[in-house]
PDB file of N, CA and C in Angstrom:
ATOM      1  N   MET A   1       1.009  -1.298   0.039  1.00  0.00           N
ATOM      2  CA  MET A   1       0.075  -0.005   0.041  1.00  0.00           C
ATOM      3  C   MET A   1       0.569   0.743   0.022  1.00  0.00           C
ATOM      4  N   THR A   2       0.629   2.183  -0.809  1.00  0.00           N
ATOM      5  CA  THR A   2       1.280   3.626  -0.470  1.00  0.00           C
ATOM      6  C   THR A   2       0.524   4.251   0.600  1.00  0.00           C
ATOM      7  N   ASP A   3       1.135   5.422   0.559  1.00  0.00           N
ATOM      8  CA  ASP A   3       0.812   6.342   1.716  1.00  0.00           C
ATOM      9  C   ASP A   3      -0.837   6.970   1.283  1.00  0.00           C
ATOM     10  N   ASP A   4      -1.044   6.991   0.539  1.00  0.00           N
ATOM     11  CA  ASP A   4      -2.191   7.331  -0.001  1.00  0.00           C
ATOM     12  C   ASP A   4      -3.575   6.725  -0.197  1.00  0.00           C
ATOM     13  N   ASP A   5      -3.176   4.859  -0.370  1.00  0.00           N
ATOM     14  CA  ASP A   5      -4.528   4.092  -0.260  1.00  0.00           C
ATOM     15  C   ASP A   5      -5.202   4.696   0.314  1.00  0.00           C
ATOM     16  N   VAL A   6      -6.569   4.146   0.361  1.00  0.00           N
ATOM     17  CA  VAL A   6      -7.437   4.154   1.542  1.00  0.00           C
ATOM     18  C   VAL A   6      -7.256   2.769   2.570  1.00  0.00           C
ATOM     19  N   CYS A   7      -7.906   2.158   3.258  1.00  0.00           N
ATOM     20  CA  CYS A   7      -7.863   1.461   3.964  1.00  0.00           C
ATOM     21  C   CYS A   7      -8.854   1.023   4.732  1.00  0.00           C
ATOM     22  N   GLU A   8      -8.693   0.218   5.355  1.00  0.00           N
ATOM     23  CA  GLU A   8      -9.838  -0.379   6.528  1.00  0.00           C
ATOM     24  C   GLU A   8      -8.943  -0.313   7.871  1.00  0.00           C
ATOM     25  N   VAL A   9      -9.164   0.131   9.089  1.00  0.00           N
ATOM     26  CA  VAL A   9      -8.918  -0.420   9.927  1.00  0.00           C
ATOM     27  C   VAL A   9     -10.065  -1.178  11.204  1.00  0.00           C
ATOM     28  N   VAL A  10      -9.220  -2.091  11.293  1.00  0.00           N
ATOM     29  CA  VAL A  10     -10.651  -3.091  12.479  1.00  0.00           C
ATOM     30  C   VAL A  10     -10.235  -2.739  13.481  1.00  0.00           C
ATOM     31  N   VAL A  11     -11.175  -2.072  14.973  1.00  0.00           N
ATOM     32  CA  VAL A  11     -10.837  -2.238  16.590  1.00  0.00           C
ATOM     33  C   VAL A  11     -11.627  -2.911  17.121  1.00  0.00           C
ATOM     34  N   THR A  12     -11.639  -3.532  18.049  1.00  0.00           N
ATOM     35  CA  THR A  12     -12.563  -4.301  19.301  1.00  0.00           C
ATOM     36  C   THR A  12     -12.160  -3.849  19.878  1.00  0.00           C
ATOM     37  N   ALA A  13     -12.831  -4.127  21.204  1.00  0.00           N
ATOM     38  CA  ALA A  13     -13.536  -3.588  22.104  1.00  0.00           C
ATOM     39  C   ALA A  13     -14.722  -4.649  23.006  1.00  0.00           C
ATOM     40  N   ALA A  14     -14.390  -3.816  24.378  1.00  0.00           N
ATOM     41  CA  ALA A  14     -15.244  -5.152  25.064  1.00  0.00           C
ATOM     42  C   ALA A  14     -16.471  -3.990  25.048  1.00  0.00           C
ATOM     43  N   ASP A  15     -16.902  -3.083  25.371  1.00  0.00           N
ATOM     44  CA  ASP A  15     -17.610  -1.625  25.636  1.00  0.00           C
ATOM     45  C   ASP A  15     -17.825  -0.874  24.447  1.00  0.00           C
ATOM     46  N   PRO A  16     -18.950  -1.253  23.884  1.00  0.00           N
ATOM     47  CA  PRO A  16     -19.278  -0.309  22.814  1.00  0.00           C
ATOM     48  C   PRO A  16     -19.386   0.929  22.521  1.00  0.00           C
ATOM     49  N   GLU A  17     -19.395   1.219  23.919  1.00  0.00           N
ATOM     50  CA  GLU A  17     -19.489   2.785  24.113  1.00  0.00           C
ATOM     51  C   GLU A  17     -17.950   3.355  24.018  1.00  0.00           C
ATOM     52  N   TRP A  18     -17.946   2.849  24.212  1.00  0.00           N
ATOM     53  CA  TRP A  18     -16.092   3.549  24.596  1.00  0.00           C
ATOM     54  C   TRP A  18     -15.480   2.734  23.068  1.00  0.00           C
ATOM     55  N   LEU A  19     -15.874   2.357  22.042  1.00  0.00           N
ATOM     56  CA  LEU A  19     -15.316   2.292  21.248  1.00  0.00           C
ATOM     57  C   LEU A  19     -16.211   2.856  20.339  1.00  0.00           C
ATOM     58  N   ALA A  20     -17.555   3.350  20.466  1.00  0.00           N
ATOM     59  CA  ALA A  20     -17.704   4.331  19.599  1.00  0.00           C
ATOM     60  C   ALA A  20     -17.268   6.355  20.105  1.00  0.00           C
ATOM     61  N   ALA A  21     -17.137   6.147  21.257  1.00  0.00           N
ATOM     62  CA  ALA A  21     -16.093   7.627  21.203  1.00  0.00           C
ATOM     63  C   ALA A  21     -14.784   7.687  21.216  1.00  0.00           C
ATOM     64  N   PHE A  22     -14.144   6.680  21.103  1.00  0.00           N
ATOM     65  CA  PHE A  22     -12.418   6.260  20.484  1.00  0.00           C
ATOM     66  C   PHE A  22     -12.974   6.609  19.060  1.00  0.00           C
ATOM     67  N   THR A  23     -13.831   6.327  17.877  1.00  0.00           N
ATOM     68  CA  THR A  23     -14.254   6.071  16.417  1.00  0.00           C
ATOM     69  C   THR A  23     -14.571   7.527  16.211  1.00  0.00           C
ATOM     70  N   ARG A  24     -15.680   8.392  17.229  1.00  0.00           N
ATOM     71  CA  ARG A  24     -15.734  10.012  17.186  1.00  0.00           C
ATOM     72  C   ARG A  24     -14.735  10.221  17.147  1.00  0.00           C
ATOM     73  N   ARG A  25     -13.466  10.572  18.222  1.00  0.00           N
ATOM     74  CA  ARG A  25     -12.577  11.128  18.555  1.00  0.00           C
ATOM     75  C   ARG A  25     -10.976  11.149  17.141  1.00  0.00           C
ATOM     76  N   LEU A  26     -11.185  10.064  16.825  1.00  0.00           N
ATOM     77  CA  LEU A  26     -10.624   9.274  15.715  1.00  0.00           C
ATOM     78  C   LEU A  26     -10.811  10.493  14.054  1.00  0.00           C
ATOM     79  N   VAL A  27     -13.018  10.518  13.996  1.00  0.00           N
ATOM     80  CA  VAL A  27     -12.450  11.066  13.534  1.00  0.00           C
ATOM     81  C   VAL A  27     -13.139  12.143  13.485  1.00  0.00           C
ATOM     82  N   GLU A  28     -12.605  13.307  14.622  1.00  0.00           N
ATOM     83  CA  GLU A  28     -12.605  14.415  14.915  1.00  0.00           C
ATOM     84  C   GLU A  28     -11.222  15.094  14.597  1.00  0.00           C
ATOM     85  N   ASP A  29     -10.496  14.137  15.089  1.00  0.00           N
ATOM     86  CA  ASP A  29      -8.755  14.301  14.598  1.00  0.00           C
ATOM     87  C   ASP A  29      -8.379  14.704  13.438  1.00  0.00           C
ATOM     88  N   ARG A  30      -9.463  13.859  12.453  1.00  0.00           N
ATOM     89  CA  ARG A  30      -9.354  13.169  11.070  1.00  0.00           C
ATOM     90  C   ARG A  30      -8.261  12.169  11.016  1.00  0.00           C
ATOM     91  N   LEU A  31      -8.320  11.220  11.617  1.00  0.00           N
ATOM     92  CA  LEU A  31      -7.618   9.936  11.267  1.00  0.00           C
ATOM     93  C   LEU A  31      -7.937   9.224  10.677  1.00  0.00           C
ATOM     94  N   ALA A  32      -9.697   9.198  10.404  1.00  0.00           N
ATOM     95  CA  ALA A  32     -10.783   8.061  10.216  1.00  0.00           C
ATOM     96  C   ALA A  32     -11.643   9.221   9.411  1.00  0.00           C
ATOM     97  N   ALA A  33     -11.852   8.667   7.968  1.00  0.00           N
ATOM     98  CA  ALA A  33     -13.528  10.050   7.325  1.00  0.00           C
ATOM     99  C   ALA A  33     -14.760   9.394   8.334  1.00  0.00           C
ATOM    100  N   CYS A  34     -14.553   7.950   8.732  1.00  0.00           N
ATOM    101  CA  CYS A  34     -15.721   7.703   9.360  1.00  0.00           C
ATOM    102  C   CYS A  34     -15.740   5.812   9.896  1.00  0.00           C
ATOM    103  N   GLY A  35     -16.337   5.916  10.806  1.00  0.00           N
ATOM    104  CA  GLY A  35     -16.211   4.167  11.377  1.00  0.00           C
ATOM    105  C   GLY A  35     -17.667   3.778  11.251  1.00  0.00           C
ATOM    106  N   GLN A  36     -17.716   1.901  10.859  1.00  0.00           N
ATOM    107  CA  GLN A  36     -19.336   1.623  11.167  1.00  0.00           C
ATOM    108  C   GLN A  36     -18.682   0.570  11.982  1.00  0.00           C
ATOM    109  N   GLN A  37     -19.573   0.996  12.792  1.00  0.00           N
ATOM    110  CA  GLN A  37     -19.863   0.063  14.270  1.00  0.00           C
ATOM    111  C   GLN A  37     -20.660  -1.151  13.757  1.00  0.00           C
ATOM    112  N   VAL A  38     -20.145  -1.756  14.292  1.00  0.00           N
ATOM    113  CA  VAL A  38     -21.113  -3.549  14.874  1.00  0.00           C
ATOM    114  C   VAL A  38     -21.193  -3.771  16.471  1.00  0.00           C
ATOM    115  N   THR A  39     -22.614  -3.291  16.813  1.00  0.00           N
ATOM    116  CA  THR A  39     -22.009  -4.042  18.354  1.00  0.00           C
ATOM    117  C   THR A  39     -22.094  -4.701  19.147  1.00  0.00           C
ATOM    118  N   ALA A  40     -22.549  -5.898  18.736  1.00  0.00           N
ATOM    119  CA  ALA A  40     -22.467  -6.699  18.961  1.00  0.00           C
ATOM    120  C   ALA A  40     -21.970  -8.018  18.092  1.00  0.00           C
ATOM    121  N   ILE A  41     -20.679  -8.223  18.243  1.00  0.00           N
ATOM    122  CA  ILE A  41     -20.006  -9.627  17.885  1.00  0.00           C
ATOM    123  C   ILE A  41     -19.563 -10.448  18.699  1.00  0.00           C
ATOM    124  N   ARG A  42     -19.587 -11.624  18.717  1.00  0.00           N
ATOM    125  CA  ARG A  42     -18.771 -12.461  19.670  1.00  0.00           C
ATOM    126  C   ARG A  42     -16.954 -13.008  19.372  1.00  0.00           C
ATOM    127  N   SER A  43     -16.330 -12.644  20.304  1.00  0.00           N
ATOM    128  CA  SER A  43     -14.649 -13.442  20.321  1.00  0.00           C
ATOM    129  C   SER A  43     -14.815 -14.597  21.173  1.00  0.00           C
ATOM    130  N   VAL A  44     -14.030 -15.670  20.338  1.00  0.00           N
ATOM    131  CA  VAL A  44     -13.232 -16.581  20.972  1.00  0.00           C
ATOM    132  C   VAL A  44     -11.923 -16.587  20.863  1.00  0.00           C
ATOM    133  N   TYR A  45     -11.031 -16.456  21.580  1.00  0.00           N
ATOM    134  CA  TYR A  45      -9.388 -16.666  22.158  1.00  0.00           C
ATOM    135  C   TYR A  45      -9.398 -17.034  22.677  1.00  0.00           C
ATOM    136  N   ARG A  46      -7.830 -16.980  22.498  1.00  0.00           N
ATOM    137  CA  ARG A  46      -6.871 -17.541  23.686  1.00  0.00           C
ATOM    138  C   ARG A  46      -6.232 -15.875  24.245  1.00  0.00           C
ATOM    139  N   TRP A  47      -5.823 -16.374  25.675  1.00  0.00           N
ATOM    140  CA  TRP A  47      -5.427 -14.847  26.433  1.00  0.00           C
ATOM    141  C   TRP A  47      -4.892 -15.647  27.814  1.00  0.00           C
ATOM    142  N   GLU A  48      -3.746 -15.439  27.894  1.00  0.00           N
ATOM    143  CA  GLU A  48      -2.678 -15.971  29.104  1.00  0.00           C
ATOM    144  C   GLU A  48      -3.354 -17.434  29.616  1.00  0.00           C
ATOM    145  N   GLY A  49      -3.245 -18.396  28.275  1.00  0.00           N
ATOM    146  CA  GLY A  49      -3.126 -19.706  29.211  1.00  0.00           C
ATOM    147  C   GLY A  49      -4.768 -20.120  28.396  1.00  0.00           C
ATOM    148  N   ALA A  50      -5.759 -19.848  28.475  1.00  0.00           N
ATOM    149  CA  ALA A  50      -7.418 -19.869  28.493  1.00  0.00           C
ATOM    150  C   ALA A  50      -7.452 -18.945  27.060  1.00  0.00           C
ATOM    151  N   VAL A  51      -9.219 -20.217  27.261  1.00  0.00           N
ATOM    152  CA  VAL A  51      -9.624 -20.265  26.243  1.00  0.00           C
ATOM    153  C   VAL A  51     -11.393 -18.805  26.660  1.00  0.00           C
ATOM    154  N   HIS A  52     -11.144 -18.122  25.920  1.00  0.00           N
ATOM    155  CA  HIS A  52     -12.279 -17.003  26.316  1.00  0.00           C
ATOM    156  C   HIS A  52     -13.184 -16.888  25.269  1.00  0.00           C
ATOM    157  N   ASP A  53     -14.584 -16.689  25.920  1.00  0.00           N
ATOM    158  CA  ASP A  53     -15.693 -16.265  24.651  1.00  0.00           C
ATOM    159  C   ASP A  53     -16.203 -14.902  25.700  1.00  0.00           C
ATOM    160  N   ASP A  54     -16.095 -14.269  24.533  1.00  0.00           N
ATOM    161  CA  ASP A  54     -16.827 -12.964  25.416  1.00  0.00           C
ATOM    162  C   ASP A  54     -17.546 -12.116  24.068  1.00  0.00           C
ATOM    163  N   PRO A  55     -18.508 -11.046  24.781  1.00  0.00           N
ATOM    164  CA  PRO A  55     -19.170 -10.125  23.315  1.00  0.00           C
ATOM    165  C   PRO A  55     -18.076  -8.690  23.309  1.00  0.00           C
ATOM    166  N   GLU A  56     -18.343  -8.400  22.245  1.00  0.00           N
ATOM    167  CA  GLU A  56     -17.404  -7.466  22.107  1.00  0.00           C
ATOM    168  C   GLU A  56     -17.684  -6.509  20.832  1.00  0.00           C
ATOM    169  N   ALA A  57     -17.617  -5.248  20.774  1.00  0.00           N
ATOM    170  CA  ALA A  57     -18.200  -4.845  19.361  1.00  0.00           C
ATOM    171  C   ALA A  57     -17.295  -4.455  18.726  1.00  0.00           C
ATOM    172  N   ARG A  58     -16.886  -3.781  17.341  1.00  0.00           N
ATOM    173  CA  ARG A  58     -16.300  -4.095  16.135  1.00  0.00           C
ATOM    174  C   ARG A  58     -16.337  -2.650  15.529  1.00  0.00           C
ATOM    175  N   VAL A  59     -15.484  -2.500  15.026  1.00  0.00           N
ATOM    176  CA  VAL A  59     -15.531  -1.399  14.346  1.00  0.00           C
ATOM    177  C   VAL A  59     -14.345  -0.734  13.374  1.00  0.00           C
ATOM    178  N   ALA A  60     -15.542  -0.294  11.838  1.00  0.00           N
ATOM    179  CA  ALA A  60     -13.842  -0.688  10.645  1.00  0.00           C
ATOM    180  C   ALA A  60     -14.561   1.033  10.429  1.00  0.00           C
ATOM    181  N   LEU A  61     -13.154   1.324  10.443  1.00  0.00           N
ATOM    182  CA  LEU A  61     -12.499   2.819  10.291  1.00  0.00           C
ATOM    183  C   LEU A  61     -12.189   2.869   9.008  1.00  0.00           C
ATOM    184  N   HIS A  62     -12.675   3.567   8.128  1.00  0.00           N
ATOM    185  CA  HIS A  62     -12.000   4.158   7.160  1.00  0.00           C
ATOM    186  C   HIS A  62     -11.196   5.315   6.703  1.00  0.00           C
ATOM    187  N   THR A  63      -9.276   5.740   6.269  1.00  0.00           N
ATOM    188  CA  THR A  63      -8.178   6.076   6.028  1.00  0.00           C
ATOM    189  C   THR A  63      -7.414   5.942   5.312  1.00  0.00           C
ATOM    190  N   ARG A  64      -6.559   6.634   5.363  1.00  0.00           N
ATOM    191  CA  ARG A  64      -5.877   6.952   4.294  1.00  0.00           C
ATOM    192  C   ARG A  64      -4.428   5.443   5.258  1.00  0.00           C
ATOM    193  N   ALA A  65      -3.932   4.851   4.584  1.00  0.00           N
ATOM    194  CA  ALA A  65      -2.622   3.740   5.025  1.00  0.00           C
ATOM    195  C   ALA A  65      -2.253   4.213   5.243  1.00  0.00           C
ATOM    196  N   SER A  66      -1.662   5.514   5.476  1.00  0.00           N
ATOM    197  CA  SER A  66      -0.461   6.613   6.073  1.00  0.00           C
ATOM    198  C   SER A  66      -0.567   7.146   7.940  1.00  0.00           C
ATOM    199  N   LEU A  67      -1.626   6.818   7.720  1.00  0.00           N
ATOM    200  CA  LEU A  67      -2.767   7.107   9.277  1.00  0.00           C
ATOM    201  C   LEU A  67      -2.886   5.792  10.013  1.00  0.00           C
ATOM    202  N   VAL A  68      -2.017   5.214   9.400  1.00  0.00           N
ATOM    203  CA  VAL A  68      -2.246   3.340  10.687  1.00  0.00           C
ATOM    204  C   VAL A  68      -1.420   3.425  11.721  1.00  0.00           C
ATOM    205  N   PRO A  69      -0.456   3.704  11.910  1.00  0.00           N
ATOM    206  CA  PRO A  69       0.408   3.970  12.654  1.00  0.00           C
ATOM    207  C   PRO A  69      -0.264   5.064  13.298  1.00  0.00           C
ATOM    208  N   GLU A  70      -0.553   5.963  13.436  1.00  0.00           N
ATOM    209  CA  GLU A  70      -0.746   6.796  14.198  1.00  0.00           C
ATOM    210  C   GLU A  70      -2.252   6.410  14.982  1.00  0.00           C
ATOM    211  N   ILE A  71      -2.896   5.827  14.313  1.00  0.00           N
ATOM    212  CA  ILE A  71      -4.473   4.973  15.071  1.00  0.00           C
ATOM    213  C   ILE A  71      -3.400   4.180  15.565  1.00  0.00           C
ATOM    214  N   VAL A  72      -2.918   2.540  15.432  1.00  0.00           N
ATOM    215  CA  VAL A  72      -2.250   2.092  16.188  1.00  0.00           C
ATOM    216  C   VAL A  72      -1.804   2.260  17.290  1.00  0.00           C
ATOM    217  N   ALA A  73      -0.976   3.796  17.774  1.00  0.00           N
ATOM    218  CA  ALA A  73      -0.535   4.319  18.326  1.00  0.00           C
ATOM    219  C   ALA A  73      -1.584   4.641  19.777  1.00  0.00           C
ATOM    220  N   ARG A  74      -2.668   5.489  19.402  1.00  0.00           N
ATOM    221  CA  ARG A  74      -3.619   5.444  20.297  1.00  0.00           C
ATOM    222  C   ARG A  74      -4.462   4.364  20.622  1.00  0.00           C
ATOM    223  N   ALA A  75      -4.749   3.657  19.882  1.00  0.00           N
ATOM    224  CA  ALA A  75      -5.318   2.365  20.823  1.00  0.00           C
ATOM    225  C   ALA A  75      -4.129   2.183  21.290  1.00  0.00           C
ATOM    226  N   ASP A  76      -2.862   1.867  21.447  1.00  0.00           N
ATOM    227  CA  ASP A  76      -2.253   1.439  22.255  1.00  0.00           C
ATOM    228  C   ASP A  76      -2.181   2.234  23.606  1.00  0.00           C
ATOM    229  N   ALA A  77      -2.076   4.059  23.342  1.00  0.00           N
ATOM    230  CA  ALA A  77      -2.160   4.753  24.813  1.00  0.00           C
ATOM    231  C   ALA A  77      -3.435   4.933  25.115  1.00  0.00           C
ATOM    232  N   GLU A  78      -4.748   4.741  24.569  1.00  0.00           N
ATOM    233  CA  GLU A  78      -5.713   5.209  25.289  1.00  0.00           C
ATOM    234  C   GLU A  78      -6.987   3.468  25.391  1.00  0.00           C
ATOM    235  N   HIS A  79      -6.978   2.562  24.678  1.00  0.00           N
ATOM    236  CA  HIS A  79      -7.945   1.106  24.882  1.00  0.00           C
ATOM    237  C   HIS A  79      -7.594   0.529  25.845  1.00  0.00           C
ATOM    238  N   PRO A  80      -8.215   0.465  26.749  1.00  0.00           N
ATOM    239  CA  PRO A  80      -8.429  -0.318  27.974  1.00  0.00           C
ATOM    240  C   PRO A  80      -8.035  -1.796  28.215  1.00  0.00           C
ATOM    241  N   TYR A  81      -7.992  -2.527  27.086  1.00  0.00           N
ATOM    242  CA  TYR A  81      -6.773  -3.867  27.111  1.00  0.00           C
ATOM    243  C   TYR A  81      -5.982  -3.680  26.846  1.00  0.00           C
ATOM    244  N   ASP A  82      -5.046  -4.585  27.144  1.00  0.00           N
ATOM    245  CA  ASP A  82      -3.497  -4.095  27.511  1.00  0.00           C
ATOM    246  C   ASP A  82      -2.841  -4.598  26.021  1.00  0.00           C
ATOM    247  N   VAL A  83      -3.289  -5.746  25.149  1.00  0.00           N
ATOM    248  CA  VAL A  83      -3.348  -5.924  23.779  1.00  0.00           C
ATOM    249  C   VAL A  83      -4.474  -5.773  23.011  1.00  0.00           C
ATOM    250  N   PRO A  84      -5.120  -4.884  22.196  1.00  0.00           N
ATOM    251  CA  PRO A  84      -5.781  -4.434  21.532  1.00  0.00           C
ATOM    252  C   PRO A  84      -5.675  -4.668  19.920  1.00  0.00           C
ATOM    253  N   CYS A  85      -6.878  -5.539  19.738  1.00  0.00           N
ATOM    254  CA  CYS A  85      -6.837  -5.761  18.475  1.00  0.00           C
ATOM    255  C   CYS A  85      -7.335  -4.647  16.818  1.00  0.00           C
ATOM    256  N   VAL A  86      -5.917  -3.927  16.521  1.00  0.00           N
ATOM    257  CA  VAL A  86      -6.266  -3.049  15.896  1.00  0.00           C
ATOM    258  C   VAL A  86      -5.384  -4.064  14.474  1.00  0.00           C
ATOM    259  N   PHE A  87      -5.484  -3.617  13.408  1.00  0.00           N
ATOM    260  CA  PHE A  87      -5.008  -3.870  11.943  1.00  0.00           C
ATOM    261  C   PHE A  87      -6.311  -3.812  10.799  1.00  0.00           C
ATOM    262  N   ALA A  88      -4.956  -3.399   9.841  1.00  0.00           N
ATOM    263  CA  ALA A  88      -5.708  -2.691   8.386  1.00  0.00           C
ATOM    264  C   ALA A  88      -5.558  -3.772   7.581  1.00  0.00           C
ATOM    265  N   LEU A  89      -7.169  -3.884   6.523  1.00  0.00           N
ATOM    266  CA  LEU A  89      -6.539  -4.509   5.197  1.00  0.00           C
ATOM    267  C   LEU A  89      -7.061  -3.193   4.098  1.00  0.00           C
ATOM    268  N   PRO A  90      -6.502  -3.830   2.919  1.00  0.00           N
ATOM    269  CA  PRO A  90      -6.174  -2.798   1.559  1.00  0.00           C
ATOM    270  C   PRO A  90      -7.534  -2.951   1.221  1.00  0.00           C
ATOM    271  N   ILE A  91      -7.800  -1.639   0.581  1.00  0.00           N
ATOM    272  CA  ILE A  91      -9.045  -1.837  -0.389  1.00  0.00           C
ATOM    273  C   ILE A  91      -8.780  -1.880  -1.783  1.00  0.00           C
ATOM    274  N   VAL A  92      -8.832  -2.572  -2.486  1.00  0.00           N
ATOM    275  CA  VAL A  92      -8.071  -3.019  -4.138  1.00  0.00           C
ATOM    276  C   VAL A  92      -9.089  -2.028  -4.734  1.00  0.00           C
ATOM    277  N   ALA A  93     -10.305  -1.759  -4.921  1.00  0.00           N
ATOM    278  CA  ALA A  93     -11.047  -1.756  -5.123  1.00  0.00           C
ATOM    279  C   ALA A  93     -12.793  -0.454  -4.871  1.00  0.00           C
ATOM    280  N   GLY A  94     -13.218   0.071  -5.518  1.00  0.00           N
ATOM    281  CA  GLY A  94     -14.072   1.093  -4.705  1.00  0.00           C
ATOM    282  C   GLY A  94     -14.657   2.045  -5.580  1.00  0.00           C
ATOM    283  N   ASN A  95     -15.694   2.489  -5.479  1.00  0.00           N
ATOM    284  CA  ASN A  95     -16.190   3.356  -5.528  1.00  0.00           C
ATOM    285  C   ASN A  95     -15.267   4.706  -5.773  1.00  0.00           C
ATOM    286  N   PRO A  96     -14.465   5.204  -6.752  1.00  0.00           N
ATOM    287  CA  PRO A  96     -13.768   5.939  -7.180  1.00  0.00           C
ATOM    288  C   PRO A  96     -14.101   7.697  -6.369  1.00  0.00           C
ATOM    289  N   ALA A  97     -15.541   8.178  -6.186  1.00  0.00           N
ATOM    290  CA  ALA A  97     -15.923   9.055  -4.788  1.00  0.00           C
ATOM    291  C   ALA A  97     -15.792   8.987  -3.920  1.00  0.00           C
ATOM    292  N   TYR A  98     -16.237   8.086  -3.475  1.00  0.00           N
ATOM    293  CA  TYR A  98     -16.328   7.307  -2.135  1.00  0.00           C
ATOM    294  C   TYR A  98     -15.029   7.486  -1.972  1.00  0.00           C
ATOM    295  N   LEU A  99     -14.115   6.742  -2.252  1.00  0.00           N
ATOM    296  CA  LEU A  99     -12.229   6.724  -2.379  1.00  0.00           C
ATOM    297  C   LEU A  99     -11.459   8.075  -2.037  1.00  0.00           C
ATOM    298  N   ASP A 100     -12.170   8.887  -3.025  1.00  0.00           N
ATOM    299  CA  ASP A 100     -11.642  10.772  -2.857  1.00  0.00           C
ATOM    300  C   ASP A 100     -12.370  11.089  -1.100  1.00  0.00           C
ATOM    301  N   TRP A 101     -13.360  10.660  -1.171  1.00  0.00           N
ATOM    302  CA  TRP A 101     -13.910  11.469  -0.241  1.00  0.00           C
ATOM    303  C   TRP A 101     -13.227  11.186   1.279  1.00  0.00           C
ATOM    304  N   VAL A 102     -12.755   9.981   1.255  1.00  0.00           N
ATOM    305  CA  VAL A 102     -12.692   9.444   2.450  1.00  0.00           C
ATOM    306  C   VAL A 102     -11.062  10.448   2.752  1.00  0.00           C
ATOM    307  N   ARG A 103     -10.323  10.122   1.560  1.00  0.00           N
ATOM    308  CA  ARG A 103      -9.166  11.510   1.284  1.00  0.00           C
ATOM    309  C   ARG A 103      -9.363  12.855   1.585  1.00  0.00           C
ATOM    310  N   ALA A 104     -10.211  12.848   1.751  1.00  0.00           N
ATOM    311  CA  ALA A 104     -10.054  14.392   1.726  1.00  0.00           C
ATOM    312  C   ALA A 104     -10.739  15.122   2.745  1.00  0.00           C
ATOM    313  N   GLU A 105     -12.017  13.536   3.425  1.00  0.00           N
ATOM    314  CA  GLU A 105     -12.104  13.921   4.898  1.00  0.00           C
ATOM    315  C   GLU A 105     -10.873  13.306   5.736  1.00  0.00           C
ATOM    316  N   THR A 106      -9.845  12.768   5.480  1.00  0.00           N
ATOM    317  CA  THR A 106      -8.953  12.657   6.479  1.00  0.00           C
ATOM    318  C   THR A 106      -7.004  13.306   6.227  1.00  0.00           C
ATOM    319  N   ARG A 107      -6.241  13.079   7.366  1.00  0.00           N
ATOM    320  CA  ARG A 107      -5.102  14.085   6.694  1.00  0.00           C
ATOM    321  C   ARG A 107      -4.019  13.685   5.884  1.00  0.00           C
ATOM    322  N   GLY A 108      -3.524  14.311   5.227  1.00  0.00           N
ATOM    323  CA  GLY A 108      -2.834  14.007   3.927  1.00  0.00           C
ATOM    324  C   GLY A 108      -1.669  14.101   4.105  1.00  0.00           C
TER     325      GLY A 108
END
């Protein structure tokens, strides 16, 4: 991905309200153009030697690839988890007008 490419950043959290507020701060700071949140997902994972099965929320942030490191740093600093789930997926194609909007609404 180049710095100007649009990507989707996924973040999960136990508290949907915390995740919504985190998303809002990222949009206000122009680190993401938008965030589409799903408030009810189920995460099954291994942590510290035990298998967990917990409700979580998930947000898909639309942003520039160049902003991913700053989003990861913000999540590391603000997220209640010791190791927050944050990862970026490339957008390989899409509505050109929407991709231009994402670029226009985020820091260049």
